[in-house]
Amino acid sequence: MDKMISVMLVDDHPVFRQGLRRIIEAQEDMEVVIEVDDGAEALRLAKEIAPKVIMMDINLPSMNGLQVTRLLKEELPEVAVVMLTAYHNDEQLFHAVRAGAAAYYAKDVTPRKLVEAVRQVSQGNYVIDDNVLDKPQFAAWLAKEFERLDTSWVAPGELFMPLSPREMEILHLITKGMSNKEIARQLGISHQTVKNHMTSILRKLSVNDRTQAAVLALRRGWVRLQDTTEL
């Protein structure tokens, strides 16, 4: 059936994922094509399967949902992502849509709203704070939020991107307690390059030091707490 909306579920909590499957499969126009519990694996499989819609948790092993979404949208811009998170505020919403998400919800969203969001994004629309926006309306909303949140630190070409892959990698190592020198050794780059990335990370996250950056990354699910205990 070409009218069926193919949905990929990406979440590492089996109970929550099972709940999503039941909600989706109760709809006559939707089907779950695959479930994934890891960010990097989700990126690989999404490229192979190219589902119509991906329901994506932000807090994932190996690669968070923002990273997966940004990288996926570079290759498959037609795939719509509904971002799900336990942490909800306007700035996090802005990060999600910058990464390429078409809708963003806290995990306590009602099934009715979630199903309607899947239908809307599958048609090329965006769902922001329960409002359905077409592309021109979405662009206008994004421009207004861009100004309201004082995101003058974002370069024009980075409008839809969160931290760069290298910055996310460094942020992950920061949450493990690594010094700049240790990070440089781990990544095979110079100490000065790490310092330059650190300056960029602090500016983009609007925090004063690496500890605040680490706390923010953990609180928002960009880095998982269990991934910081390797040292």
N, C-alpha and C. Protein backbone atom coordinates (compact mmCIF):
# COMPACT_ATOMS: atom_id res chain seq x y z
N MET A 1 0.85 -1.20 0.00
CA MET A 1 0.00 0.00 0.00
C MET A 1 0.88 1.24 0.00
N ASP A 2 0.80 2.02 -1.11
CA ASP A 2 1.68 3.17 -1.20
C ASP A 2 1.25 4.32 -0.30
N LYS A 3 0.06 4.23 0.29
CA LYS A 3 -0.41 5.28 1.19
C LYS A 3 0.05 5.05 2.62
N MET A 4 0.60 3.90 2.90
CA MET A 4 1.07 3.61 4.25
C MET A 4 2.27 4.48 4.58
N ILE A 5 2.26 5.00 5.79
CA ILE A 5 3.38 5.81 6.28
C ILE A 5 4.34 4.87 7.00
N SER A 6 5.52 4.68 6.44
CA SER A 6 6.51 3.82 7.08
C SER A 6 7.21 4.58 8.20
N VAL A 7 7.26 3.96 9.38
CA VAL A 7 7.80 4.62 10.57
C VAL A 7 8.93 3.80 11.17
N MET A 8 10.02 4.46 11.47
CA MET A 8 11.16 3.84 12.16
C MET A 8 11.18 4.35 13.60
N LEU A 9 11.32 3.44 14.55
CA LEU A 9 11.36 3.80 15.97
C LEU A 9 12.79 3.73 16.48
N VAL A 10 13.27 4.82 17.07
CA VAL A 10 14.63 4.85 17.58
C VAL A 10 14.59 5.28 19.05
N ASP A 11 14.75 4.32 19.94
CA ASP A 11 14.72 4.58 21.38
C ASP A 11 15.35 3.38 22.07
N ASP A 12 16.13 3.60 23.10
CA ASP A 12 16.82 2.48 23.75
C ASP A 12 16.07 1.96 24.97
N HIS A 13 14.84 2.43 25.19
CA HIS A 13 14.02 1.89 26.28
C HIS A 13 12.95 0.98 25.67
N PRO A 14 13.08 -0.34 25.84
CA PRO A 14 12.17 -1.29 25.20
C PRO A 14 10.69 -1.05 25.54
N VAL A 15 10.39 -0.70 26.77
CA VAL A 15 9.00 -0.52 27.16
C VAL A 15 8.39 0.68 26.44
N PHE A 16 9.13 1.78 26.42
CA PHE A 16 8.64 2.97 25.72
C PHE A 16 8.50 2.70 24.23
N ARG A 17 9.49 2.00 23.67
CA ARG A 17 9.47 1.70 22.23
C ARG A 17 8.27 0.80 21.90
N GLN A 18 7.98 -0.14 22.77
CA GLN A 18 6.84 -1.03 22.56
C GLN A 18 5.54 -0.23 22.57
N GLY A 19 5.48 0.76 23.46
CA GLY A 19 4.31 1.63 23.51
C GLY A 19 4.13 2.41 22.21
N LEU A 20 5.24 2.92 21.68
CA LEU A 20 5.18 3.63 20.41
C LEU A 20 4.69 2.71 19.29
N ARG A 21 5.20 1.49 19.28
CA ARG A 21 4.79 0.53 18.24
C ARG A 21 3.28 0.29 18.29
N ARG A 22 2.75 0.11 19.48
CA ARG A 22 1.31 -0.14 19.62
C ARG A 22 0.49 1.04 19.11
N ILE A 23 0.97 2.24 19.42
CA ILE A 23 0.26 3.45 18.97
C ILE A 23 0.26 3.53 17.44
N ILE A 24 1.43 3.31 16.85
CA ILE A 24 1.56 3.44 15.40
C ILE A 24 0.79 2.34 14.68
N GLU A 25 0.92 1.11 15.14
CA GLU A 25 0.29 0.00 14.44
C GLU A 25 -1.22 -0.06 14.64
N ALA A 26 -1.72 0.77 15.56
CA ALA A 26 -3.18 0.87 15.72
C ALA A 26 -3.79 1.75 14.64
N GLN A 27 -2.94 2.43 13.85
CA GLN A 27 -3.42 3.31 12.79
C GLN A 27 -3.45 2.56 11.46
N GLU A 28 -4.51 2.74 10.72
CA GLU A 28 -4.66 2.02 9.46
C GLU A 28 -3.70 2.50 8.38
N ASP A 29 -3.19 3.73 8.52
CA ASP A 29 -2.33 4.30 7.48
C ASP A 29 -0.85 4.31 7.85
N MET A 30 -0.47 3.58 8.91
CA MET A 30 0.92 3.59 9.38
C MET A 30 1.42 2.18 9.63
N GLU A 31 2.72 2.00 9.50
CA GLU A 31 3.34 0.72 9.84
C GLU A 31 4.75 0.97 10.38
N VAL A 32 5.14 0.20 11.36
CA VAL A 32 6.50 0.26 11.90
C VAL A 32 7.37 -0.67 11.06
N VAL A 33 8.39 -0.12 10.43
CA VAL A 33 9.24 -0.94 9.56
C VAL A 33 10.47 -1.47 10.28
N ILE A 34 10.89 -0.80 11.35
CA ILE A 34 12.06 -1.29 12.10
C ILE A 34 12.15 -0.55 13.43
N GLU A 35 12.73 -1.21 14.43
CA GLU A 35 13.03 -0.60 15.72
C GLU A 35 14.53 -0.65 15.94
N VAL A 36 15.09 0.43 16.47
CA VAL A 36 16.53 0.51 16.71
C VAL A 36 16.77 1.13 18.08
N ASP A 37 17.82 0.67 18.77
CA ASP A 37 18.08 1.19 20.12
C ASP A 37 19.43 1.89 20.24
N ASP A 38 20.08 2.20 19.11
CA ASP A 38 21.41 2.79 19.13
C ASP A 38 21.51 3.87 18.04
N GLY A 39 22.13 5.00 18.36
CA GLY A 39 22.20 6.11 17.42
C GLY A 39 22.93 5.81 16.13
N ALA A 40 24.13 5.28 16.24
CA ALA A 40 24.93 4.99 15.05
C ALA A 40 24.25 3.95 14.16
N GLU A 41 23.65 2.94 14.79
CA GLU A 41 22.94 1.91 14.03
C GLU A 41 21.70 2.50 13.37
N ALA A 42 21.05 3.43 14.06
CA ALA A 42 19.87 4.09 13.48
C ALA A 42 20.25 4.86 12.22
N LEU A 43 21.38 5.54 12.26
CA LEU A 43 21.83 6.30 11.09
C LEU A 43 22.10 5.36 9.92
N ARG A 44 22.77 4.25 10.19
CA ARG A 44 23.11 3.30 9.13
C ARG A 44 21.86 2.69 8.51
N LEU A 45 20.94 2.25 9.35
CA LEU A 45 19.74 1.58 8.85
C LEU A 45 18.77 2.55 8.19
N ALA A 46 18.71 3.76 8.70
CA ALA A 46 17.82 4.76 8.10
C ALA A 46 18.25 5.06 6.67
N LYS A 47 19.55 5.07 6.43
CA LYS A 47 20.05 5.31 5.07
C LYS A 47 19.67 4.16 4.14
N GLU A 48 19.63 2.96 4.69
CA GLU A 48 19.27 1.79 3.87
C GLU A 48 17.78 1.72 3.60
N ILE A 49 16.98 1.96 4.64
CA ILE A 49 15.54 1.76 4.55
C ILE A 49 14.80 2.99 4.05
N ALA A 50 15.31 4.18 4.42
CA ALA A 50 14.67 5.45 4.06
C ALA A 50 13.19 5.47 4.43
N PRO A 51 12.87 5.34 5.72
CA PRO A 51 11.47 5.39 6.13
C PRO A 51 10.88 6.78 5.88
N LYS A 52 9.59 6.86 5.86
CA LYS A 52 8.93 8.16 5.67
C LYS A 52 9.11 9.04 6.89
N VAL A 53 8.98 8.42 8.08
CA VAL A 53 9.08 9.16 9.34
C VAL A 53 9.94 8.37 10.33
N ILE A 54 10.76 9.09 11.08
CA ILE A 54 11.52 8.47 12.17
C ILE A 54 11.11 9.13 13.47
N MET A 55 10.73 8.31 14.45
CA MET A 55 10.47 8.81 15.80
C MET A 55 11.75 8.60 16.59
N MET A 56 12.41 9.71 16.91
CA MET A 56 13.80 9.68 17.39
C MET A 56 13.94 10.23 18.81
N ASP A 57 14.46 9.41 19.70
CA ASP A 57 14.81 9.88 21.04
C ASP A 57 16.10 10.68 20.93
N ILE A 58 16.27 11.69 21.78
CA ILE A 58 17.52 12.45 21.78
C ILE A 58 18.61 11.68 22.51
N ASN A 59 18.25 11.06 23.63
CA ASN A 59 19.23 10.39 24.48
C ASN A 59 19.44 8.96 24.03
N LEU A 60 20.49 8.73 23.22
CA LEU A 60 20.76 7.41 22.65
C LEU A 60 22.21 7.00 22.88
N PRO A 61 22.49 5.69 22.88
CA PRO A 61 23.88 5.22 22.96
C PRO A 61 24.63 5.56 21.67
N SER A 62 25.91 5.76 21.79
CA SER A 62 26.90 5.94 20.71
C SER A 62 26.78 7.25 19.95
N MET A 63 25.58 7.72 19.68
CA MET A 63 25.38 8.97 18.95
C MET A 63 24.00 9.49 19.31
N ASN A 64 23.90 10.74 19.76
CA ASN A 64 22.59 11.21 20.20
C ASN A 64 21.69 11.55 19.02
N GLY A 65 20.40 11.72 19.32
CA GLY A 65 19.42 11.93 18.28
C GLY A 65 19.64 13.16 17.44
N LEU A 66 20.19 14.21 18.04
CA LEU A 66 20.48 15.43 17.27
C LEU A 66 21.55 15.15 16.21
N GLN A 67 22.59 14.43 16.59
CA GLN A 67 23.65 14.09 15.64
C GLN A 67 23.12 13.21 14.52
N VAL A 68 22.35 12.19 14.90
CA VAL A 68 21.80 11.27 13.90
C VAL A 68 20.94 12.05 12.90
N THR A 69 20.09 12.91 13.42
CA THR A 69 19.18 13.67 12.57
C THR A 69 19.94 14.57 11.61
N ARG A 70 20.92 15.29 12.12
CA ARG A 70 21.67 16.22 11.27
C ARG A 70 22.39 15.48 10.15
N LEU A 71 23.05 14.38 10.49
CA LEU A 71 23.79 13.62 9.48
C LEU A 71 22.85 12.95 8.48
N LEU A 72 21.72 12.46 8.98
CA LEU A 72 20.76 11.80 8.09
C LEU A 72 20.15 12.78 7.11
N LYS A 73 19.78 13.98 7.59
CA LYS A 73 19.12 14.96 6.74
C LYS A 73 20.05 15.48 5.64
N GLU A 74 21.36 15.38 5.86
CA GLU A 74 22.29 15.78 4.82
C GLU A 74 22.19 14.87 3.61
N GLU A 75 21.90 13.60 3.83
CA GLU A 75 21.82 12.63 2.74
C GLU A 75 20.39 12.32 2.30
N LEU A 76 19.46 12.34 3.26
CA LEU A 76 18.06 12.01 2.96
C LEU A 76 17.14 13.11 3.50
N PRO A 77 17.14 14.26 2.86
CA PRO A 77 16.35 15.38 3.38
C PRO A 77 14.85 15.12 3.39
N GLU A 78 14.40 14.13 2.61
CA GLU A 78 12.97 13.85 2.53
C GLU A 78 12.45 13.05 3.73
N VAL A 79 13.35 12.46 4.52
CA VAL A 79 12.93 11.72 5.70
C VAL A 79 12.55 12.71 6.81
N ALA A 80 11.36 12.54 7.37
CA ALA A 80 10.90 13.45 8.42
C ALA A 80 11.20 12.85 9.79
N VAL A 81 11.69 13.67 10.70
CA VAL A 81 12.05 13.21 12.04
C VAL A 81 11.16 13.88 13.08
N VAL A 82 10.52 13.05 13.92
CA VAL A 82 9.80 13.53 15.09
C VAL A 82 10.69 13.28 16.29
N MET A 83 11.20 14.34 16.90
CA MET A 83 12.14 14.21 18.01
C MET A 83 11.39 14.08 19.33
N LEU A 84 11.81 13.11 20.14
CA LEU A 84 11.21 12.88 21.44
C LEU A 84 12.25 13.06 22.53
N THR A 85 11.87 13.71 23.62
CA THR A 85 12.84 13.98 24.67
C THR A 85 12.17 14.07 26.03
N ALA A 86 12.95 13.81 27.05
CA ALA A 86 12.46 13.98 28.42
C ALA A 86 12.66 15.41 28.89
N TYR A 87 13.48 16.16 28.15
CA TYR A 87 13.81 17.53 28.55
C TYR A 87 13.23 18.50 27.53
N HIS A 88 12.29 19.34 27.96
CA HIS A 88 11.58 20.19 27.00
C HIS A 88 11.67 21.66 27.40
N ASN A 89 12.23 22.48 26.52
CA ASN A 89 12.09 23.93 26.62
C ASN A 89 12.32 24.53 25.24
N ASP A 90 12.17 25.84 25.13
CA ASP A 90 12.24 26.48 23.82
C ASP A 90 13.62 26.34 23.17
N GLU A 91 14.66 26.42 23.99
CA GLU A 91 16.00 26.33 23.42
C GLU A 91 16.28 24.93 22.89
N GLN A 92 15.83 23.92 23.63
CA GLN A 92 16.02 22.55 23.17
C GLN A 92 15.22 22.30 21.89
N LEU A 93 14.03 22.87 21.81
CA LEU A 93 13.24 22.79 20.59
C LEU A 93 14.01 23.40 19.42
N PHE A 94 14.63 24.54 19.67
CA PHE A 94 15.38 25.22 18.63
C PHE A 94 16.56 24.37 18.16
N HIS A 95 17.25 23.74 19.11
CA HIS A 95 18.35 22.83 18.74
C HIS A 95 17.84 21.69 17.88
N ALA A 96 16.68 21.16 18.23
CA ALA A 96 16.13 20.02 17.49
C ALA A 96 15.79 20.39 16.05
N VAL A 97 15.14 21.53 15.86
CA VAL A 97 14.77 21.90 14.49
C VAL A 97 15.99 22.34 13.70
N ARG A 98 16.98 22.91 14.39
CA ARG A 98 18.23 23.24 13.70
C ARG A 98 18.91 21.98 13.18
N ALA A 99 18.75 20.90 13.93
CA ALA A 99 19.34 19.63 13.50
C ALA A 99 18.56 19.01 12.34
N GLY A 100 17.32 19.48 12.13
CA GLY A 100 16.54 18.95 11.02
C GLY A 100 15.24 18.29 11.40
N ALA A 101 14.88 18.31 12.68
CA ALA A 101 13.62 17.69 13.10
C ALA A 101 12.43 18.48 12.56
N ALA A 102 11.38 17.77 12.20
CA ALA A 102 10.16 18.41 11.71
C ALA A 102 9.13 18.59 12.82
N ALA A 103 9.31 17.87 13.92
CA ALA A 103 8.43 18.01 15.07
C ALA A 103 9.22 17.64 16.32
N TYR A 104 8.77 18.13 17.46
CA TYR A 104 9.50 17.93 18.71
C TYR A 104 8.50 17.82 19.84
N TYR A 105 8.61 16.73 20.62
CA TYR A 105 7.68 16.52 21.72
C TYR A 105 8.39 15.96 22.94
N ALA A 106 7.90 16.36 24.11
CA ALA A 106 8.30 15.68 25.34
C ALA A 106 7.64 14.31 25.34
N LYS A 107 8.20 13.37 26.08
CA LYS A 107 7.72 11.99 26.04
C LYS A 107 6.36 11.78 26.73
N ASP A 108 5.84 12.82 27.38
CA ASP A 108 4.52 12.69 27.97
C ASP A 108 3.42 13.15 27.00
N VAL A 109 3.77 13.30 25.73
CA VAL A 109 2.80 13.69 24.71
C VAL A 109 1.69 12.64 24.60
N THR A 110 0.49 13.09 24.29
CA THR A 110 -0.62 12.14 24.14
C THR A 110 -0.48 11.38 22.82
N PRO A 111 -0.96 10.14 22.78
CA PRO A 111 -0.92 9.38 21.53
C PRO A 111 -1.59 10.11 20.37
N ARG A 112 -2.70 10.78 20.63
CA ARG A 112 -3.43 11.48 19.57
C ARG A 112 -2.56 12.55 18.92
N LYS A 113 -1.87 13.33 19.73
CA LYS A 113 -1.01 14.38 19.19
C LYS A 113 0.16 13.78 18.41
N LEU A 114 0.70 12.70 18.94
CA LEU A 114 1.85 12.08 18.30
C LEU A 114 1.48 11.51 16.93
N VAL A 115 0.35 10.85 16.86
CA VAL A 115 -0.11 10.27 15.59
C VAL A 115 -0.37 11.37 14.57
N GLU A 116 -1.00 12.45 15.00
CA GLU A 116 -1.28 13.55 14.09
C GLU A 116 0.01 14.18 13.60
N ALA A 117 1.00 14.28 14.48
CA ALA A 117 2.31 14.84 14.09
C ALA A 117 2.96 13.98 13.02
N VAL A 118 2.88 12.66 13.18
CA VAL A 118 3.45 11.75 12.18
C VAL A 118 2.79 11.98 10.82
N ARG A 119 1.49 12.12 10.82
CA ARG A 119 0.79 12.35 9.55
C ARG A 119 1.21 13.68 8.92
N GLN A 120 1.30 14.69 9.74
CA GLN A 120 1.63 16.01 9.21
C GLN A 120 3.05 16.07 8.64
N VAL A 121 4.02 15.54 9.38
CA VAL A 121 5.41 15.61 8.89
C VAL A 121 5.61 14.72 7.68
N SER A 122 4.82 13.64 7.58
CA SER A 122 4.93 12.77 6.40
C SER A 122 4.48 13.49 5.14
N GLN A 123 3.72 14.57 5.30
CA GLN A 123 3.25 15.37 4.17
C GLN A 123 4.12 16.59 3.92
N GLY A 124 5.24 16.68 4.66
CA GLY A 124 6.16 17.79 4.44
C GLY A 124 5.92 18.99 5.33
N ASN A 125 5.02 18.87 6.29
CA ASN A 125 4.74 19.97 7.21
C ASN A 125 5.61 19.86 8.47
N TYR A 126 5.53 20.88 9.29
CA TYR A 126 6.24 20.92 10.57
C TYR A 126 5.21 21.09 11.68
N VAL A 127 5.52 20.55 12.85
CA VAL A 127 4.63 20.71 14.00
C VAL A 127 5.43 21.33 15.14
N ILE A 128 5.11 22.58 15.45
CA ILE A 128 5.82 23.33 16.47
C ILE A 128 4.81 23.77 17.53
N ASP A 129 5.00 23.31 18.75
CA ASP A 129 4.07 23.65 19.84
C ASP A 129 2.62 23.37 19.44
N ASP A 130 2.41 22.22 18.83
CA ASP A 130 1.09 21.75 18.40
C ASP A 130 0.52 22.53 17.21
N ASN A 131 1.29 23.48 16.67
CA ASN A 131 0.83 24.22 15.50
C ASN A 131 1.42 23.59 14.24
N VAL A 132 0.59 23.35 13.25
CA VAL A 132 1.05 22.79 11.98
C VAL A 132 1.49 23.92 11.06
N LEU A 133 2.73 23.86 10.59
CA LEU A 133 3.29 24.91 9.75
C LEU A 133 3.76 24.32 8.43
N ASP A 134 3.50 25.05 7.34
CA ASP A 134 4.10 24.65 6.07
C ASP A 134 5.51 25.25 6.01
N LYS A 135 6.23 25.03 4.94
CA LYS A 135 7.63 25.46 4.88
C LYS A 135 7.80 26.97 5.03
N PRO A 136 7.01 27.81 4.33
CA PRO A 136 7.16 29.26 4.53
C PRO A 136 6.85 29.70 5.96
N GLN A 137 5.81 29.11 6.55
CA GLN A 137 5.46 29.45 7.93
C GLN A 137 6.55 29.01 8.89
N PHE A 138 7.12 27.83 8.63
CA PHE A 138 8.21 27.33 9.47
C PHE A 138 9.43 28.25 9.37
N ALA A 139 9.77 28.68 8.17
CA ALA A 139 10.91 29.58 7.98
C ALA A 139 10.71 30.88 8.75
N ALA A 140 9.48 31.40 8.74
CA ALA A 140 9.17 32.63 9.47
C ALA A 140 9.30 32.41 10.97
N TRP A 141 8.79 31.27 11.45
CA TRP A 141 8.91 30.95 12.89
C TRP A 141 10.37 30.83 13.29
N LEU A 142 11.16 30.15 12.46
CA LEU A 142 12.56 29.92 12.78
C LEU A 142 13.32 31.25 12.84
N ALA A 143 13.04 32.14 11.91
CA ALA A 143 13.70 33.45 11.90
C ALA A 143 13.36 34.23 13.16
N LYS A 144 12.10 34.15 13.59
CA LYS A 144 11.68 34.86 14.79
C LYS A 144 12.38 34.27 16.03
N GLU A 145 12.43 32.94 16.11
CA GLU A 145 13.10 32.30 17.25
C GLU A 145 14.59 32.57 17.24
N PHE A 146 15.15 32.60 16.06
CA PHE A 146 16.58 32.88 15.90
C PHE A 146 16.91 34.23 16.53
N GLU A 147 16.05 35.20 16.31
CA GLU A 147 16.24 36.53 16.86
C GLU A 147 15.92 36.57 18.35
N ARG A 148 14.83 35.93 18.74
CA ARG A 148 14.38 35.97 20.14
C ARG A 148 15.39 35.32 21.09
N LEU A 149 15.99 34.22 20.64
CA LEU A 149 16.92 33.49 21.50
C LEU A 149 18.32 34.07 21.46
N ASP A 150 18.50 35.17 20.70
CA ASP A 150 19.80 35.84 20.62
C ASP A 150 20.89 34.87 20.19
N THR A 151 20.69 34.22 19.07
CA THR A 151 21.64 33.23 18.58
C THR A 151 22.59 33.85 17.56
N SER A 152 23.07 35.05 17.84
CA SER A 152 23.97 35.74 16.93
C SER A 152 25.29 35.01 16.77
N TRP A 153 25.57 34.08 17.71
CA TRP A 153 26.82 33.31 17.62
C TRP A 153 26.77 32.26 16.51
N VAL A 154 25.59 31.97 15.95
CA VAL A 154 25.48 30.94 14.94
C VAL A 154 25.79 31.50 13.57
N ALA A 155 26.75 30.93 12.89
CA ALA A 155 27.07 31.35 11.53
C ALA A 155 25.91 31.02 10.61
N PRO A 156 25.69 31.82 9.54
CA PRO A 156 24.55 31.58 8.64
C PRO A 156 24.47 30.15 8.14
N GLY A 157 25.59 29.55 7.80
CA GLY A 157 25.59 28.19 7.27
C GLY A 157 25.29 27.14 8.31
N GLU A 158 25.23 27.53 9.59
CA GLU A 158 25.00 26.57 10.66
C GLU A 158 23.58 26.65 11.22
N LEU A 159 22.70 27.36 10.51
CA LEU A 159 21.38 27.63 11.04
C LEU A 159 20.64 26.37 11.47
N PHE A 160 20.76 25.30 10.71
CA PHE A 160 20.01 24.09 11.01
C PHE A 160 20.87 23.03 11.68
N MET A 161 22.08 23.40 12.14
CA MET A 161 22.97 22.42 12.72
C MET A 161 23.22 22.69 14.20
N PRO A 162 23.31 21.64 15.03
CA PRO A 162 23.76 21.83 16.40
C PRO A 162 25.28 21.94 16.39
N LEU A 163 25.94 21.52 17.46
CA LEU A 163 27.40 21.50 17.45
C LEU A 163 27.90 20.60 16.33
N SER A 164 29.06 20.93 15.82
CA SER A 164 29.64 20.10 14.76
C SER A 164 29.98 18.72 15.31
N PRO A 165 30.16 17.72 14.44
CA PRO A 165 30.52 16.38 14.92
C PRO A 165 31.76 16.39 15.81
N ARG A 166 32.78 17.17 15.44
CA ARG A 166 34.00 17.23 16.25
C ARG A 166 33.72 17.88 17.60
N GLU A 167 32.90 18.92 17.62
CA GLU A 167 32.56 19.57 18.89
C GLU A 167 31.76 18.63 19.78
N MET A 168 30.85 17.85 19.19
CA MET A 168 30.10 16.88 19.98
C MET A 168 31.04 15.81 20.55
N GLU A 169 32.02 15.43 19.76
CA GLU A 169 33.00 14.44 20.21
C GLU A 169 33.78 14.97 21.40
N ILE A 170 34.21 16.22 21.32
CA ILE A 170 34.96 16.84 22.40
C ILE A 170 34.07 17.03 23.63
N LEU A 171 32.82 17.42 23.41
CA LEU A 171 31.89 17.58 24.53
C LEU A 171 31.70 16.26 25.26
N HIS A 172 31.63 15.18 24.51
CA HIS A 172 31.49 13.84 25.11
C HIS A 172 32.70 13.55 26.00
N LEU A 173 33.90 13.86 25.52
CA LEU A 173 35.11 13.60 26.30
C LEU A 173 35.20 14.52 27.51
N ILE A 174 34.66 15.72 27.40
CA ILE A 174 34.62 16.63 28.54
C ILE A 174 33.80 16.03 29.67
N THR A 175 32.67 15.40 29.31
CA THR A 175 31.82 14.81 30.34
C THR A 175 32.49 13.62 31.02
N LYS A 176 33.53 13.08 30.41
CA LYS A 176 34.30 12.01 31.03
C LYS A 176 35.39 12.56 31.95
N GLY A 177 35.50 13.89 32.01
CA GLY A 177 36.49 14.51 32.88
C GLY A 177 37.86 14.70 32.27
N MET A 178 37.99 14.51 30.95
CA MET A 178 39.29 14.65 30.29
C MET A 178 39.72 16.12 30.21
N SER A 179 41.01 16.34 30.37
CA SER A 179 41.58 17.67 30.18
C SER A 179 41.77 17.93 28.69
N ASN A 180 42.07 19.19 28.35
CA ASN A 180 42.31 19.52 26.94
C ASN A 180 43.49 18.71 26.39
N LYS A 181 44.50 18.52 27.21
CA LYS A 181 45.67 17.78 26.76
C LYS A 181 45.32 16.31 26.51
N GLU A 182 44.50 15.72 27.39
CA GLU A 182 44.07 14.34 27.21
C GLU A 182 43.17 14.18 25.98
N ILE A 183 42.32 15.17 25.77
CA ILE A 183 41.44 15.14 24.59
C ILE A 183 42.27 15.22 23.32
N ALA A 184 43.28 16.09 23.32
CA ALA A 184 44.14 16.23 22.15
C ALA A 184 44.83 14.90 21.83
N ARG A 185 45.31 14.24 22.87
CA ARG A 185 45.98 12.96 22.69
C ARG A 185 45.00 11.89 22.19
N GLN A 186 43.81 11.88 22.76
CA GLN A 186 42.79 10.89 22.38
C GLN A 186 42.38 11.04 20.91
N LEU A 187 42.24 12.28 20.45
CA LEU A 187 41.74 12.54 19.10
C LEU A 187 42.86 12.73 18.07
N GLY A 188 44.10 12.80 18.54
CA GLY A 188 45.21 12.98 17.62
C GLY A 188 45.24 14.36 16.98
N ILE A 189 44.85 15.37 17.76
CA ILE A 189 44.89 16.75 17.28
C ILE A 189 45.71 17.59 18.25
N SER A 190 46.01 18.83 17.86
CA SER A 190 46.86 19.66 18.71
C SER A 190 46.09 20.21 19.90
N HIS A 191 46.86 20.57 20.94
CA HIS A 191 46.27 21.17 22.13
C HIS A 191 45.54 22.46 21.78
N GLN A 192 46.12 23.26 20.89
CA GLN A 192 45.51 24.53 20.49
C GLN A 192 44.19 24.30 19.75
N THR A 193 44.13 23.26 18.95
CA THR A 193 42.89 22.95 18.23
C THR A 193 41.78 22.61 19.21
N VAL A 194 42.11 21.85 20.24
CA VAL A 194 41.12 21.53 21.26
C VAL A 194 40.65 22.81 21.95
N LYS A 195 41.58 23.71 22.26
CA LYS A 195 41.23 24.97 22.92
C LYS A 195 40.29 25.79 22.03
N ASN A 196 40.57 25.79 20.72
CA ASN A 196 39.72 26.54 19.79
C ASN A 196 38.30 25.95 19.76
N HIS A 197 38.24 24.63 19.75
CA HIS A 197 36.92 23.98 19.77
C HIS A 197 36.19 24.27 21.09
N MET A 198 36.93 24.28 22.19
CA MET A 198 36.33 24.56 23.48
C MET A 198 35.72 25.95 23.51
N THR A 199 36.44 26.91 22.97
CA THR A 199 35.93 28.28 22.91
C THR A 199 34.62 28.33 22.12
N SER A 200 34.59 27.60 21.01
CA SER A 200 33.38 27.56 20.18
C SER A 200 32.23 26.89 20.92
N ILE A 201 32.51 25.78 21.61
CA ILE A 201 31.48 25.05 22.34
C ILE A 201 30.86 25.93 23.43
N LEU A 202 31.70 26.60 24.20
CA LEU A 202 31.20 27.45 25.28
C LEU A 202 30.36 28.59 24.74
N ARG A 203 30.78 29.16 23.62
CA ARG A 203 30.04 30.26 23.01
C ARG A 203 28.68 29.79 22.50
N LYS A 204 28.68 28.65 21.81
CA LYS A 204 27.43 28.14 21.24
C LYS A 204 26.43 27.72 22.31
N LEU A 205 26.93 27.18 23.41
CA LEU A 205 26.04 26.72 24.47
C LEU A 205 25.72 27.82 25.49
N SER A 206 26.36 28.99 25.32
CA SER A 206 26.15 30.13 26.23
C SER A 206 26.43 29.75 27.68
N VAL A 207 27.56 29.06 27.89
CA VAL A 207 27.99 28.70 29.25
C VAL A 207 29.38 29.27 29.48
N ASN A 208 29.79 29.30 30.76
CA ASN A 208 31.04 29.97 31.11
C ASN A 208 32.25 29.05 31.19
N ASP A 209 32.02 27.76 31.42
CA ASP A 209 33.16 26.87 31.57
C ASP A 209 32.80 25.45 31.15
N ARG A 210 33.80 24.59 31.14
CA ARG A 210 33.61 23.22 30.67
C ARG A 210 32.69 22.41 31.59
N THR A 211 32.69 22.72 32.87
CA THR A 211 31.80 22.01 33.79
C THR A 211 30.35 22.29 33.46
N GLN A 212 30.03 23.56 33.21
CA GLN A 212 28.68 23.92 32.83
C GLN A 212 28.30 23.26 31.51
N ALA A 213 29.24 23.20 30.57
CA ALA A 213 28.99 22.55 29.28
C ALA A 213 28.67 21.07 29.48
N ALA A 214 29.42 20.40 30.36
CA ALA A 214 29.21 18.98 30.63
C ALA A 214 27.85 18.74 31.27
N VAL A 215 27.51 19.58 32.26
CA VAL A 215 26.22 19.44 32.94
C VAL A 215 25.07 19.63 31.95
N LEU A 216 25.21 20.63 31.07
CA LEU A 216 24.17 20.90 30.07
C LEU A 216 24.00 19.72 29.12
N ALA A 217 25.13 19.16 28.69
CA ALA A 217 25.09 18.03 27.75
C ALA A 217 24.41 16.82 28.38
N LEU A 218 24.69 16.56 29.64
CA LEU A 218 24.09 15.43 30.35
C LEU A 218 22.60 15.67 30.61
N ARG A 219 22.26 16.87 31.04
CA ARG A 219 20.88 17.19 31.39
C ARG A 219 19.96 17.10 30.17
N ARG A 220 20.49 17.50 29.03
CA ARG A 220 19.66 17.50 27.82
C ARG A 220 19.71 16.18 27.05
N GLY A 221 20.49 15.24 27.54
CA GLY A 221 20.52 13.94 26.89
C GLY A 221 21.42 13.89 25.67
N TRP A 222 22.26 14.91 25.45
CA TRP A 222 23.19 14.89 24.32
C TRP A 222 24.28 13.86 24.57
N VAL A 223 24.60 13.66 25.83
CA VAL A 223 25.56 12.63 26.23
C VAL A 223 24.90 11.83 27.35
N ARG A 224 24.99 10.51 27.27
CA ARG A 224 24.37 9.65 28.28
C ARG A 224 25.29 9.50 29.49
N LEU A 225 24.69 9.52 30.69
CA LEU A 225 25.47 9.42 31.92
C LEU A 225 26.31 8.15 31.95
N GLN A 226 25.73 7.03 31.49
CA GLN A 226 26.48 5.75 31.54
C GLN A 226 27.66 5.74 30.57
N ASP A 227 27.65 6.68 29.59
CA ASP A 227 28.77 6.75 28.66
C ASP A 227 29.94 7.55 29.21
N THR A 228 29.79 8.10 30.43
CA THR A 228 30.85 8.94 30.99
C THR A 228 31.66 8.21 32.04
N THR A 229 31.39 6.92 32.24
CA THR A 229 32.01 6.19 33.36
C THR A 229 33.14 5.28 32.92
N GLU A 230 33.68 5.53 31.71
CA GLU A 230 34.70 4.62 31.21
C GLU A 230 36.08 4.89 31.79
N LEU A 231 36.27 6.13 32.29
CA LEU A 231 37.61 6.45 32.80
C LEU A 231 37.77 5.96 34.23
